[in-house]
């Protein structure tokens, strides 16, 4: 399975990360399967985000049903695009694909992980 993310989706998520800096940022990823590929089409900002320099979260209780929810995106202002212990919990709960962007928040500073925490490659598409 190849993971593809639309250019507008990743640029939107990265803009959120830059705007939230020096705090963390989080958003949800919506997409669909196209053949063998997972194509992430857009981002959704959940209501009631809590954020600080070392964490970000939201309450699932505040979310409506979201068709096509395939994962999460969040930032690490500390410059490390690797999952923390807390990220492991998030990944296990949200499944799918989870992106982490490290400061300075460019595409090359971003990594993708599946629910188990294993790093996977992704491609930016138009």
PDB file of N, CA and C in Angstrom:
ATOM      1  N   UNK A   1       0.847  -1.181   0.000  1.00  0.00           N
ATOM      2  CA  UNK A   1       0.000   0.000   0.000  1.00  0.00           C
ATOM      3  C   UNK A   1       0.892   1.244   0.000  1.00  0.00           C
ATOM      4  N   UNK A   2       0.613   2.136  -0.924  1.00  0.00           N
ATOM      5  CA  UNK A   2       1.328   3.411  -0.979  1.00  0.00           C
ATOM      6  C   UNK A   2       0.485   4.477  -0.281  1.00  0.00           C
ATOM      7  N   UNK A   3       1.145   5.348   0.449  1.00  0.00           N
ATOM      8  CA  UNK A   3       0.465   6.457   1.112  1.00  0.00           C
ATOM      9  C   UNK A   3       0.767   7.719   0.323  1.00  0.00           C
ATOM     10  N   UNK A   4      -0.311   8.371  -0.109  1.00  0.00           N
ATOM     11  CA  UNK A   4      -0.188   9.601  -0.871  1.00  0.00           C
ATOM     12  C   UNK A   4      -0.977  10.677  -0.143  1.00  0.00           C
ATOM     13  N   UNK A   5      -0.439  11.892  -0.123  1.00  0.00           N
ATOM     14  CA  UNK A   5      -1.139  13.010   0.503  1.00  0.00           C
ATOM     15  C   UNK A   5      -1.190  14.161  -0.502  1.00  0.00           C
ATOM     16  N   UNK A   6      -2.362  14.703  -0.659  1.00  0.00           N
ATOM     17  CA  UNK A   6      -2.534  15.830  -1.578  1.00  0.00           C
ATOM     18  C   UNK A   6      -1.695  17.008  -1.089  1.00  0.00           C
ATOM     19  N   UNK A   7      -1.119  17.721  -2.045  1.00  0.00           N
ATOM     20  CA  UNK A   7      -0.247  18.860  -1.739  1.00  0.00           C
ATOM     21  C   UNK A   7      -0.967  19.884  -0.860  1.00  0.00           C
ATOM     22  N   UNK A   8      -2.227  20.201  -1.192  1.00  0.00           N
ATOM     23  CA  UNK A   8      -2.954  21.194  -0.394  1.00  0.00           C
ATOM     24  C   UNK A   8      -3.178  20.709   1.036  1.00  0.00           C
ATOM     25  N   UNK A   9      -3.343  19.403   1.240  1.00  0.00           N
ATOM     26  CA  UNK A   9      -3.563  18.867   2.584  1.00  0.00           C
ATOM     27  C   UNK A   9      -2.302  18.987   3.439  1.00  0.00           C
ATOM     28  N   UNK A  10      -1.164  18.586   2.904  1.00  0.00           N
ATOM     29  CA  UNK A  10       0.050  18.662   3.715  1.00  0.00           C
ATOM     30  C   UNK A  10       0.474  20.112   3.938  1.00  0.00           C
ATOM     31  N   UNK A  11       0.294  20.966   2.915  1.00  0.00           N
ATOM     32  CA  UNK A  11       0.659  22.373   3.109  1.00  0.00           C
ATOM     33  C   UNK A  11      -0.249  23.046   4.141  1.00  0.00           C
ATOM     34  N   UNK A  12      -1.510  22.665   4.174  1.00  0.00           N
ATOM     35  CA  UNK A  12      -2.431  23.192   5.179  1.00  0.00           C
ATOM     36  C   UNK A  12      -2.012  22.759   6.584  1.00  0.00           C
ATOM     37  N   UNK A  13      -1.682  21.481   6.736  1.00  0.00           N
ATOM     38  CA  UNK A  13      -1.247  20.971   8.037  1.00  0.00           C
ATOM     39  C   UNK A  13       0.057  21.644   8.476  1.00  0.00           C
ATOM     40  N   UNK A  14       0.990  21.808   7.560  1.00  0.00           N
ATOM     41  CA  UNK A  14       2.262  22.454   7.898  1.00  0.00           C
ATOM     42  C   UNK A  14       2.063  23.927   8.254  1.00  0.00           C
ATOM     43  N   UNK A  15       1.122  24.600   7.586  1.00  0.00           N
ATOM     44  CA  UNK A  15       0.812  25.995   7.939  1.00  0.00           C
ATOM     45  C   UNK A  15       0.254  26.070   9.359  1.00  0.00           C
ATOM     46  N   UNK A  16      -0.573  25.101   9.736  1.00  0.00           N
ATOM     47  CA  UNK A  16      -1.085  25.043  11.104  1.00  0.00           C
ATOM     48  C   UNK A  16       0.038  24.852  12.110  1.00  0.00           C
ATOM     49  N   UNK A  17       0.991  23.991  11.781  1.00  0.00           N
ATOM     50  CA  UNK A  17       2.136  23.754  12.669  1.00  0.00           C
ATOM     51  C   UNK A  17       2.969  25.021  12.843  1.00  0.00           C
ATOM     52  N   UNK A  18       3.198  25.734  11.744  1.00  0.00           N
ATOM     53  CA  UNK A  18       3.972  26.979  11.808  1.00  0.00           C
ATOM     54  C   UNK A  18       3.235  28.043  12.614  1.00  0.00           C
ATOM     55  N   UNK A  19       1.915  28.128  12.436  1.00  0.00           N
ATOM     56  CA  UNK A  19       1.118  29.132  13.150  1.00  0.00           C
ATOM     57  C   UNK A  19       1.059  28.836  14.649  1.00  0.00           C
ATOM     58  N   UNK A  20       1.069  27.565  15.022  1.00  0.00           N
ATOM     59  CA  UNK A  20       0.980  27.188  16.434  1.00  0.00           C
ATOM     60  C   UNK A  20       2.321  27.291  17.164  1.00  0.00           C
ATOM     61  N   UNK A  21       3.422  27.292  16.420  1.00  0.00           N
ATOM     62  CA  UNK A  21       4.763  27.329  17.014  1.00  0.00           C
ATOM     63  C   UNK A  21       4.889  28.503  17.984  1.00  0.00           C
ATOM     64  N   UNK A  22       5.434  28.323  19.192  1.00  0.00           N
ATOM     65  CA  UNK A  22       6.245  27.208  19.668  1.00  0.00           C
ATOM     66  C   UNK A  22       5.447  26.066  20.290  1.00  0.00           C
ATOM     67  N   UNK A  23       4.123  26.109  20.193  1.00  0.00           N
ATOM     68  CA  UNK A  23       3.308  25.013  20.704  1.00  0.00           C
ATOM     69  C   UNK A  23       3.126  23.940  19.641  1.00  0.00           C
ATOM     70  N   UNK A  24       2.698  22.771  20.083  1.00  0.00           N
ATOM     71  CA  UNK A  24       2.368  21.708  19.154  1.00  0.00           C
ATOM     72  C   UNK A  24       1.037  22.017  18.474  1.00  0.00           C
ATOM     73  N   UNK A  25       0.786  21.338  17.374  1.00  0.00           N
ATOM     74  CA  UNK A  25      -0.438  21.482  16.591  1.00  0.00           C
ATOM     75  C   UNK A  25      -0.940  20.084  16.255  1.00  0.00           C
ATOM     76  N   UNK A  26      -2.245  19.935  16.137  1.00  0.00           N
ATOM     77  CA  UNK A  26      -2.807  18.649  15.723  1.00  0.00           C
ATOM     78  C   UNK A  26      -3.988  18.875  14.797  1.00  0.00           C
ATOM     79  N   UNK A  27      -4.140  17.980  13.831  1.00  0.00           N
ATOM     80  CA  UNK A  27      -5.334  17.967  12.980  1.00  0.00           C
ATOM     81  C   UNK A  27      -5.593  16.528  12.558  1.00  0.00           C
ATOM     82  N   UNK A  28      -6.761  16.325  12.014  1.00  0.00           N
ATOM     83  CA  UNK A  28      -7.172  15.005  11.540  1.00  0.00           C
ATOM     84  C   UNK A  28      -6.985  14.940  10.030  1.00  0.00           C
ATOM     85  N   UNK A  29      -6.802  13.734   9.539  1.00  0.00           N
ATOM     86  CA  UNK A  29      -6.613  13.518   8.104  1.00  0.00           C
ATOM     87  C   UNK A  29      -7.788  12.717   7.553  1.00  0.00           C
ATOM     88  N   UNK A  30      -8.321  13.200   6.452  1.00  0.00           N
ATOM     89  CA  UNK A  30      -9.435  12.506   5.812  1.00  0.00           C
ATOM     90  C   UNK A  30      -9.010  12.094   4.406  1.00  0.00           C
ATOM     91  N   UNK A  31      -9.386  10.891   4.020  1.00  0.00           N
ATOM     92  CA  UNK A  31      -9.011  10.400   2.703  1.00  0.00           C
ATOM     93  C   UNK A  31      -9.791   9.168   2.325  1.00  0.00           C
ATOM     94  N   UNK A  32      -9.238   8.413   1.374  1.00  0.00           N
ATOM     95  CA  UNK A  32      -9.910   7.203   0.910  1.00  0.00           C
ATOM     96  C   UNK A  32      -8.903   6.285   0.240  1.00  0.00           C
ATOM     97  N   UNK A  33      -9.310   5.049   0.111  1.00  0.00           N
ATOM     98  CA  UNK A  33      -8.497   4.087  -0.623  1.00  0.00           C
ATOM     99  C   UNK A  33      -8.814   4.213  -2.109  1.00  0.00           C
ATOM    100  N   UNK A  34      -7.773   4.244  -2.892  1.00  0.00           N
ATOM    101  CA  UNK A  34      -7.902   4.250  -4.348  1.00  0.00           C
ATOM    102  C   UNK A  34      -7.054   3.077  -4.833  1.00  0.00           C
ATOM    103  N   UNK A  35      -7.714   1.977  -5.155  1.00  0.00           N
ATOM    104  CA  UNK A  35      -6.983   0.762  -5.484  1.00  0.00           C
ATOM    105  C   UNK A  35      -6.211   0.300  -4.264  1.00  0.00           C
ATOM    106  N   UNK A  36      -4.922   0.122  -4.420  1.00  0.00           N
ATOM    107  CA  UNK A  36      -4.057  -0.294  -3.310  1.00  0.00           C
ATOM    108  C   UNK A  36      -3.539   0.888  -2.484  1.00  0.00           C
ATOM    109  N   UNK A  37      -3.796   2.109  -2.947  1.00  0.00           N
ATOM    110  CA  UNK A  37      -3.227   3.296  -2.304  1.00  0.00           C
ATOM    111  C   UNK A  37      -4.183   3.923  -1.296  1.00  0.00           C
ATOM    112  N   UNK A  38      -3.624   4.568  -0.298  1.00  0.00           N
ATOM    113  CA  UNK A  38      -4.375   5.423   0.613  1.00  0.00           C
ATOM    114  C   UNK A  38      -4.063   6.852   0.196  1.00  0.00           C
ATOM    115  N   UNK A  39      -5.101   7.596  -0.188  1.00  0.00           N
ATOM    116  CA  UNK A  39      -4.917   8.974  -0.644  1.00  0.00           C
ATOM    117  C   UNK A  39      -5.545   9.910   0.390  1.00  0.00           C
ATOM    118  N   UNK A  40      -4.714  10.715   1.036  1.00  0.00           N
ATOM    119  CA  UNK A  40      -5.181  11.686   2.025  1.00  0.00           C
ATOM    120  C   UNK A  40      -5.539  12.953   1.267  1.00  0.00           C
ATOM    121  N   UNK A  41      -6.790  13.372   1.427  1.00  0.00           N
ATOM    122  CA  UNK A  41      -7.298  14.473   0.617  1.00  0.00           C
ATOM    123  C   UNK A  41      -7.398  15.796   1.348  1.00  0.00           C
ATOM    124  N   UNK A  42      -7.670  15.776   2.645  1.00  0.00           N
ATOM    125  CA  UNK A  42      -7.779  17.047   3.353  1.00  0.00           C
ATOM    126  C   UNK A  42      -7.547  16.885   4.849  1.00  0.00           C
ATOM    127  N   UNK A  43      -7.483  18.027   5.510  1.00  0.00           N
ATOM    128  CA  UNK A  43      -7.263  18.078   6.954  1.00  0.00           C
ATOM    129  C   UNK A  43      -8.488  18.685   7.622  1.00  0.00           C
ATOM    130  N   UNK A  44      -8.719  18.272   8.848  1.00  0.00           N
ATOM    131  CA  UNK A  44      -9.816  18.801   9.652  1.00  0.00           C
ATOM    132  C   UNK A  44      -9.260  19.157  11.030  1.00  0.00           C
ATOM    133  N   UNK A  45      -9.570  20.343  11.502  1.00  0.00           N
ATOM    134  CA  UNK A  45      -9.124  20.742  12.832  1.00  0.00           C
ATOM    135  C   UNK A  45     -10.228  20.384  13.813  1.00  0.00           C
ATOM    136  N   UNK A  46      -9.936  19.507  14.767  1.00  0.00           N
ATOM    137  CA  UNK A  46     -10.975  19.115  15.723  1.00  0.00           C
ATOM    138  C   UNK A  46     -11.292  20.260  16.691  1.00  0.00           C
ATOM    139  N   UNK A  47     -12.521  20.322  17.186  1.00  0.00           N
ATOM    140  CA  UNK A  47     -12.868  21.368  18.151  1.00  0.00           C
ATOM    141  C   UNK A  47     -12.198  21.100  19.500  1.00  0.00           C
ATOM    142  N   UNK A  48     -11.962  22.156  20.230  1.00  0.00           N
ATOM    143  CA  UNK A  48     -11.461  22.029  21.602  1.00  0.00           C
ATOM    144  C   UNK A  48     -10.032  21.546  21.730  1.00  0.00           C
ATOM    145  N   UNK A  49      -9.176  21.921  20.800  1.00  0.00           N
ATOM    146  CA  UNK A  49      -7.769  21.511  20.885  1.00  0.00           C
ATOM    147  C   UNK A  49      -7.128  22.120  22.131  1.00  0.00           C
ATOM    148  N   UNK A  50      -6.377  21.296  22.845  1.00  0.00           N
ATOM    149  CA  UNK A  50      -5.537  21.766  23.947  1.00  0.00           C
ATOM    150  C   UNK A  50      -4.097  21.628  23.474  1.00  0.00           C
ATOM    151  N   UNK A  51      -3.288  22.648  23.737  1.00  0.00           N
ATOM    152  CA  UNK A  51      -1.932  22.617  23.210  1.00  0.00           C
ATOM    153  C   UNK A  51      -0.953  23.310  24.145  1.00  0.00           C
ATOM    154  N   UNK A  52       0.282  22.851  24.082  1.00  0.00           N
ATOM    155  CA  UNK A  52       1.379  23.481  24.820  1.00  0.00           C
ATOM    156  C   UNK A  52       2.660  23.192  24.043  1.00  0.00           C
ATOM    157  N   UNK A  53       3.793  23.523  24.628  1.00  0.00           N
ATOM    158  CA  UNK A  53       5.074  23.288  23.959  1.00  0.00           C
ATOM    159  C   UNK A  53       5.431  21.808  23.888  1.00  0.00           C
ATOM    160  N   UNK A  54       4.795  20.990  24.729  1.00  0.00           N
ATOM    161  CA  UNK A  54       5.158  19.576  24.793  1.00  0.00           C
ATOM    162  C   UNK A  54       4.017  18.609  24.504  1.00  0.00           C
ATOM    163  N   UNK A  55       2.811  19.119  24.218  1.00  0.00           N
ATOM    164  CA  UNK A  55       1.694  18.219  23.927  1.00  0.00           C
ATOM    165  C   UNK A  55       0.578  18.952  23.203  1.00  0.00           C
ATOM    166  N   UNK A  56      -0.270  18.158  22.578  1.00  0.00           N
ATOM    167  CA  UNK A  56      -1.507  18.655  22.000  1.00  0.00           C
ATOM    168  C   UNK A  56      -2.519  17.529  22.046  1.00  0.00           C
ATOM    169  N   UNK A  57      -3.770  17.875  22.278  1.00  0.00           N
ATOM    170  CA  UNK A  57      -4.804  16.847  22.343  1.00  0.00           C
ATOM    171  C   UNK A  57      -6.166  17.454  22.046  1.00  0.00           C
ATOM    172  N   UNK A  58      -7.133  16.583  21.921  1.00  0.00           N
ATOM    173  CA  UNK A  58      -8.520  16.986  21.726  1.00  0.00           C
ATOM    174  C   UNK A  58      -9.385  15.863  22.274  1.00  0.00           C
ATOM    175  N   UNK A  59     -10.637  16.171  22.487  1.00  0.00           N
ATOM    176  CA  UNK A  59     -11.564  15.185  23.026  1.00  0.00           C
ATOM    177  C   UNK A  59     -12.342  14.529  21.896  1.00  0.00           C
ATOM    178  N   UNK A  60     -12.289  13.206  21.832  1.00  0.00           N
ATOM    179  CA  UNK A  60     -13.086  12.471  20.854  1.00  0.00           C
ATOM    180  C   UNK A  60     -14.578  12.713  21.055  1.00  0.00           C
ATOM    181  N   UNK A  61     -14.973  13.037  22.277  1.00  0.00           N
ATOM    182  CA  UNK A  61     -16.384  13.256  22.583  1.00  0.00           C
ATOM    183  C   UNK A  61     -16.943  14.464  21.840  1.00  0.00           C
ATOM    184  N   UNK A  62     -16.079  15.370  21.423  1.00  0.00           N
ATOM    185  CA  UNK A  62     -16.538  16.570  20.734  1.00  0.00           C
ATOM    186  C   UNK A  62     -16.600  16.393  19.217  1.00  0.00           C
ATOM    187  N   UNK A  63     -16.145  15.245  18.727  1.00  0.00           N
ATOM    188  CA  UNK A  63     -16.098  15.013  17.284  1.00  0.00           C
ATOM    189  C   UNK A  63     -17.414  14.446  16.764  1.00  0.00           C
ATOM    190  N   UNK A  64     -17.903  14.968  15.655  1.00  0.00           N
ATOM    191  CA  UNK A  64     -19.021  14.310  14.983  1.00  0.00           C
ATOM    192  C   UNK A  64     -18.488  13.085  14.232  1.00  0.00           C
ATOM    193  N   UNK A  65     -19.373  12.301  13.666  1.00  0.00           N
ATOM    194  CA  UNK A  65     -18.941  11.207  12.807  1.00  0.00           C
ATOM    195  C   UNK A  65     -18.235  11.815  11.599  1.00  0.00           C
ATOM    196  N   UNK A  66     -17.039  11.334  11.291  1.00  0.00           N
ATOM    197  CA  UNK A  66     -16.275  11.857  10.154  1.00  0.00           C
ATOM    198  C   UNK A  66     -16.022  10.705   9.195  1.00  0.00           C
ATOM    199  N   UNK A  67     -16.684  10.753   8.066  1.00  0.00           N
ATOM    200  CA  UNK A  67     -16.472   9.726   7.062  1.00  0.00           C
ATOM    201  C   UNK A  67     -15.093   9.911   6.438  1.00  0.00           C
ATOM    202  N   UNK A  68     -14.364   8.816   6.314  1.00  0.00           N
ATOM    203  CA  UNK A  68     -13.062   8.876   5.661  1.00  0.00           C
ATOM    204  C   UNK A  68     -11.916   9.287   6.568  1.00  0.00           C
ATOM    205  N   UNK A  69     -12.118   9.259   7.873  1.00  0.00           N
ATOM    206  CA  UNK A  69     -11.033   9.600   8.796  1.00  0.00           C
ATOM    207  C   UNK A  69      -9.964   8.516   8.706  1.00  0.00           C
ATOM    208  N   UNK A  70      -8.733   8.912   8.332  1.00  0.00           N
ATOM    209  CA  UNK A  70      -7.677   7.928   8.102  1.00  0.00           C
ATOM    210  C   UNK A  70      -6.463   8.108   9.004  1.00  0.00           C
ATOM    211  N   UNK A  71      -6.456   9.155   9.849  1.00  0.00           N
ATOM    212  CA  UNK A  71      -5.312   9.337  10.723  1.00  0.00           C
ATOM    213  C   UNK A  71      -5.198  10.741  11.257  1.00  0.00           C
ATOM    214  N   UNK A  72      -3.984  11.063  11.722  1.00  0.00           N
ATOM    215  CA  UNK A  72      -3.712  12.349  12.350  1.00  0.00           C
ATOM    216  C   UNK A  72      -2.421  12.955  11.811  1.00  0.00           C
ATOM    217  N   UNK A  73      -2.280  14.233  12.071  1.00  0.00           N
ATOM    218  CA  UNK A  73      -1.052  14.983  11.792  1.00  0.00           C
ATOM    219  C   UNK A  73      -0.798  15.809  13.035  1.00  0.00           C
ATOM    220  N   UNK A  74       0.417  15.803  13.541  1.00  0.00           N
ATOM    221  CA  UNK A  74       0.757  16.738  14.604  1.00  0.00           C
ATOM    222  C   UNK A  74       2.209  17.164  14.493  1.00  0.00           C
ATOM    223  N   UNK A  75       2.524  18.244  15.193  1.00  0.00           N
ATOM    224  CA  UNK A  75       3.868  18.809  15.081  1.00  0.00           C
ATOM    225  C   UNK A  75       4.672  18.566  16.344  1.00  0.00           C
ATOM    226  N   UNK A  76       5.979  18.560  16.174  1.00  0.00           N
ATOM    227  CA  UNK A  76       6.941  18.490  17.266  1.00  0.00           C
ATOM    228  C   UNK A  76       7.852  19.717  17.158  1.00  0.00           C
ATOM    229  N   UNK A  77       7.572  20.759  17.927  1.00  0.00           N
ATOM    230  CA  UNK A  77       8.397  21.971  17.863  1.00  0.00           C
ATOM    231  C   UNK A  77       9.853  21.744  18.274  1.00  0.00           C
ATOM    232  N   UNK A  78      10.146  20.603  18.922  1.00  0.00           N
ATOM    233  CA  UNK A  78      11.516  20.322  19.359  1.00  0.00           C
ATOM    234  C   UNK A  78      12.425  19.881  18.221  1.00  0.00           C
ATOM    235  N   UNK A  79      11.886  19.767  17.001  1.00  0.00           N
ATOM    236  CA  UNK A  79      12.709  19.434  15.844  1.00  0.00           C
ATOM    237  C   UNK A  79      12.913  17.949  15.609  1.00  0.00           C
ATOM    238  N   UNK A  80      12.186  17.079  16.329  1.00  0.00           N
ATOM    239  CA  UNK A  80      12.357  15.631  16.196  1.00  0.00           C
ATOM    240  C   UNK A  80      11.074  15.015  15.646  1.00  0.00           C
ATOM    241  N   UNK A  81      11.142  14.449  14.447  1.00  0.00           N
ATOM    242  CA  UNK A  81       9.962  13.842  13.821  1.00  0.00           C
ATOM    243  C   UNK A  81       9.913  12.342  14.087  1.00  0.00           C
ATOM    244  N   UNK A  82      10.022  11.991  15.365  1.00  0.00           N
ATOM    245  CA  UNK A  82       9.893  10.596  15.801  1.00  0.00           C
ATOM    246  C   UNK A  82       8.818  10.533  16.874  1.00  0.00           C
ATOM    247  N   UNK A  83       8.084   9.430  16.932  1.00  0.00           N
ATOM    248  CA  UNK A  83       7.021   9.313  17.928  1.00  0.00           C
ATOM    249  C   UNK A  83       7.554   9.247  19.359  1.00  0.00           C
ATOM    250  N   UNK A  84       6.878   9.947  20.240  1.00  0.00           N
ATOM    251  CA  UNK A  84       7.162   9.847  21.676  1.00  0.00           C
ATOM    252  C   UNK A  84       6.333   8.695  22.244  1.00  0.00           C
ATOM    253  N   UNK A  85       6.494   8.396  23.520  1.00  0.00           N
ATOM    254  CA  UNK A  85       5.697   7.362  24.173  1.00  0.00           C
ATOM    255  C   UNK A  85       4.202   7.720  24.087  1.00  0.00           C
ATOM    256  N   UNK A  86       3.891   8.998  24.308  1.00  0.00           N
ATOM    257  CA  UNK A  86       2.500   9.447  24.225  1.00  0.00           C
ATOM    258  C   UNK A  86       1.965   9.311  22.795  1.00  0.00           C
ATOM    259  N   UNK A  87       2.808   9.549  21.800  1.00  0.00           N
ATOM    260  CA  UNK A  87       2.393   9.383  20.416  1.00  0.00           C
ATOM    261  C   UNK A  87       2.021   7.931  20.140  1.00  0.00           C
ATOM    262  N   UNK A  88       2.719   7.001  20.760  1.00  0.00           N
ATOM    263  CA  UNK A  88       2.384   5.585  20.603  1.00  0.00           C
ATOM    264  C   UNK A  88       0.949   5.315  21.016  1.00  0.00           C
ATOM    265  N   UNK A  89       0.507   5.955  22.085  1.00  0.00           N
ATOM    266  CA  UNK A  89      -0.878   5.806  22.524  1.00  0.00           C
ATOM    267  C   UNK A  89      -1.824   6.396  21.482  1.00  0.00           C
ATOM    268  N   UNK A  90      -1.522   7.606  20.991  1.00  0.00           N
ATOM    269  CA  UNK A  90      -2.356   8.251  19.970  1.00  0.00           C
ATOM    270  C   UNK A  90      -2.455   7.361  18.738  1.00  0.00           C
ATOM    271  N   UNK A  91      -1.333   6.832  18.280  1.00  0.00           N
ATOM    272  CA  UNK A  91      -1.319   5.984  17.093  1.00  0.00           C
ATOM    273  C   UNK A  91      -2.176   4.745  17.305  1.00  0.00           C
ATOM    274  N   UNK A  92      -2.087   4.153  18.498  1.00  0.00           N
ATOM    275  CA  UNK A  92      -2.859   2.938  18.758  1.00  0.00           C
ATOM    276  C   UNK A  92      -4.357   3.236  18.789  1.00  0.00           C
ATOM    277  N   UNK A  93      -4.741   4.438  19.183  1.00  0.00           N
ATOM    278  CA  UNK A  93      -6.153   4.819  19.237  1.00  0.00           C
ATOM    279  C   UNK A  93      -6.698   5.245  17.882  1.00  0.00           C
ATOM    280  N   UNK A  94      -5.899   5.951  17.100  1.00  0.00           N
ATOM    281  CA  UNK A  94      -6.369   6.513  15.838  1.00  0.00           C
ATOM    282  C   UNK A  94      -6.071   5.612  14.647  1.00  0.00           C
ATOM    283  N   UNK A  95      -5.125   4.688  14.804  1.00  0.00           N
ATOM    284  CA  UNK A  95      -4.833   3.776  13.709  1.00  0.00           C
ATOM    285  C   UNK A  95      -4.429   4.502  12.439  1.00  0.00           C
ATOM    286  N   UNK A  96      -4.694   3.879  11.321  1.00  0.00           N
ATOM    287  CA  UNK A  96      -4.435   4.527  10.037  1.00  0.00           C
ATOM    288  C   UNK A  96      -2.996   4.984   9.894  1.00  0.00           C
ATOM    289  N   UNK A  97      -2.850   6.215   9.439  1.00  0.00           N
ATOM    290  CA  UNK A  97      -1.535   6.803   9.224  1.00  0.00           C
ATOM    291  C   UNK A  97      -1.434   8.080  10.054  1.00  0.00           C
ATOM    292  N   UNK A  98      -0.300   8.271  10.656  1.00  0.00           N
ATOM    293  CA  UNK A  98      -0.084   9.408  11.549  1.00  0.00           C
ATOM    294  C   UNK A  98       1.192  10.121  11.140  1.00  0.00           C
ATOM    295  N   UNK A  99       1.057  11.408  10.840  1.00  0.00           N
ATOM    296  CA  UNK A  99       2.193  12.216  10.406  1.00  0.00           C
ATOM    297  C   UNK A  99       2.711  13.036  11.574  1.00  0.00           C
ATOM    298  N   UNK A 100       4.038  13.193  11.642  1.00  0.00           N
ATOM    299  CA  UNK A 100       4.681  14.097  12.593  1.00  0.00           C
ATOM    300  C   UNK A 100       5.577  15.021  11.793  1.00  0.00           C
ATOM    301  N   UNK A 101       5.403  16.325  11.999  1.00  0.00           N
ATOM    302  CA  UNK A 101       6.263  17.321  11.350  1.00  0.00           C
ATOM    303  C   UNK A 101       7.117  17.981  12.416  1.00  0.00           C
ATOM    304  N   UNK A 102       8.410  18.055  12.159  1.00  0.00           N
ATOM    305  CA  UNK A 102       9.344  18.692  13.076  1.00  0.00           C
ATOM    306  C   UNK A 102       9.646  20.105  12.604  1.00  0.00           C
ATOM    307  N   UNK A 103       9.988  20.966  13.538  1.00  0.00           N
ATOM    308  CA  UNK A 103      10.378  22.345  13.222  1.00  0.00           C
ATOM    309  C   UNK A 103      11.613  22.259  12.324  1.00  0.00           C
ATOM    310  N   UNK A 104      11.672  22.910  11.190  1.00  0.00           N
ATOM    311  CA  UNK A 104      10.968  24.107  10.739  1.00  0.00           C
ATOM    312  C   UNK A 104       9.702  23.862   9.916  1.00  0.00           C
ATOM    313  N   UNK A 105       9.158  22.646   9.951  1.00  0.00           N
ATOM    314  CA  UNK A 105       7.841  22.332   9.391  1.00  0.00           C
ATOM    315  C   UNK A 105       7.751  22.430   7.869  1.00  0.00           C
ATOM    316  N   UNK A 106       8.653  21.742   7.207  1.00  0.00           N
ATOM    317  CA  UNK A 106       8.571  21.582   5.758  1.00  0.00           C
ATOM    318  C   UNK A 106       8.219  20.135   5.441  1.00  0.00           C
ATOM    319  N   UNK A 107       7.927  19.852   4.196  1.00  0.00           N
ATOM    320  CA  UNK A 107       7.609  18.480   3.804  1.00  0.00           C
ATOM    321  C   UNK A 107       8.763  17.547   4.151  1.00  0.00           C
ATOM    322  N   UNK A 108      10.000  18.012   3.940  1.00  0.00           N
ATOM    323  CA  UNK A 108      11.165  17.165   4.229  1.00  0.00           C
ATOM    324  C   UNK A 108      11.386  16.952   5.725  1.00  0.00           C
ATOM    325  N   UNK A 109      10.695  17.727   6.555  1.00  0.00           N
ATOM    326  CA  UNK A 109      10.789  17.600   8.012  1.00  0.00           C
ATOM    327  C   UNK A 109       9.648  16.760   8.575  1.00  0.00           C
ATOM    328  N   UNK A 110       8.919  16.077   7.694  1.00  0.00           N
ATOM    329  CA  UNK A 110       7.718  15.343   8.062  1.00  0.00           C
ATOM    330  C   UNK A 110       7.916  13.852   7.840  1.00  0.00           C
ATOM    331  N   UNK A 111       7.431  13.051   8.797  1.00  0.00           N
ATOM    332  CA  UNK A 111       7.498  11.594   8.685  1.00  0.00           C
ATOM    333  C   UNK A 111       6.104  11.020   8.902  1.00  0.00           C
ATOM    334  N   UNK A 112       5.857   9.854   8.326  1.00  0.00           N
ATOM    335  CA  UNK A 112       4.568   9.171   8.457  1.00  0.00           C
ATOM    336  C   UNK A 112       4.779   7.826   9.146  1.00  0.00           C
ATOM    337  N   UNK A 113       3.799   7.441   9.943  1.00  0.00           N
ATOM    338  CA  UNK A 113       3.862   6.203  10.717  1.00  0.00           C
ATOM    339  C   UNK A 113       2.506   5.514  10.658  1.00  0.00           C
ATOM    340  N   UNK A 114       2.505   4.185  10.619  1.00  0.00           N
ATOM    341  CA  UNK A 114       1.243   3.461  10.712  1.00  0.00           C
ATOM    342  C   UNK A 114       0.905   3.279  12.189  1.00  0.00           C
ATOM    343  N   UNK A 115      -0.282   2.755  12.467  1.00  0.00           N
ATOM    344  CA  UNK A 115      -0.778   2.643  13.831  1.00  0.00           C
ATOM    345  C   UNK A 115       0.164   1.961  14.810  1.00  0.00           C
ATOM    346  N   UNK A 116       0.968   1.021  14.344  1.00  0.00           N
ATOM    347  CA  UNK A 116       1.911   0.315  15.208  1.00  0.00           C
ATOM    348  C   UNK A 116       3.133   1.166  15.561  1.00  0.00           C
ATOM    349  N   UNK A 117       3.293   2.316  14.884  1.00  0.00           N
ATOM    350  CA  UNK A 117       4.453   3.171  15.105  1.00  0.00           C
ATOM    351  C   UNK A 117       5.563   2.971  14.094  1.00  0.00           C
ATOM    352  N   UNK A 118       5.372   2.048  13.160  1.00  0.00           N
ATOM    353  CA  UNK A 118       6.383   1.800  12.128  1.00  0.00           C
ATOM    354  C   UNK A 118       6.380   2.956  11.123  1.00  0.00           C
ATOM    355  N   UNK A 119       7.570   3.470  10.809  1.00  0.00           N
ATOM    356  CA  UNK A 119       7.719   4.541   9.842  1.00  0.00           C
ATOM    357  C   UNK A 119       7.456   4.008   8.440  1.00  0.00           C
ATOM    358  N   UNK A 120       6.717   4.807   7.654  1.00  0.00           N
ATOM    359  CA  UNK A 120       6.388   4.432   6.277  1.00  0.00           C
ATOM    360  C   UNK A 120       6.667   5.620   5.365  1.00  0.00           C
ATOM    361  N   UNK A 121       6.917   5.326   4.115  1.00  0.00           N
ATOM    362  CA  UNK A 121       7.150   6.379   3.115  1.00  0.00           C
ATOM    363  C   UNK A 121       5.810   6.950   2.653  1.00  0.00           C
ATOM    364  N   UNK A 122       5.843   8.190   2.212  1.00  0.00           N
ATOM    365  CA  UNK A 122       4.658   8.810   1.636  1.00  0.00           C
ATOM    366  C   UNK A 122       5.080   9.695   0.476  1.00  0.00           C
ATOM    367  N   UNK A 123       4.128   9.982  -0.401  1.00  0.00           N
ATOM    368  CA  UNK A 123       4.378  10.849  -1.553  1.00  0.00           C
ATOM    369  C   UNK A 123       3.371  11.975  -1.540  1.00  0.00           C
ATOM    370  N   UNK A 124       3.830  13.173  -1.901  1.00  0.00           N
ATOM    371  CA  UNK A 124       2.959  14.340  -2.054  1.00  0.00           C
ATOM    372  C   UNK A 124       2.512  14.363  -3.499  1.00  0.00           C
ATOM    373  N   UNK A 125       1.183  14.457  -3.708  1.00  0.00           N
ATOM    374  CA  UNK A 125       0.609  14.450  -5.055  1.00  0.00           C
ATOM    375  C   UNK A 125      -0.303  15.664  -5.241  1.00  0.00           C
ATOM    376  N   UNK A 126      -0.505  16.064  -6.498  1.00  0.00           N
ATOM    377  CA  UNK A 126      -1.416  17.171  -6.802  1.00  0.00           C
ATOM    378  C   UNK A 126      -2.860  16.743  -6.774  1.00  0.00           C
TER     379      UNK A 126
END
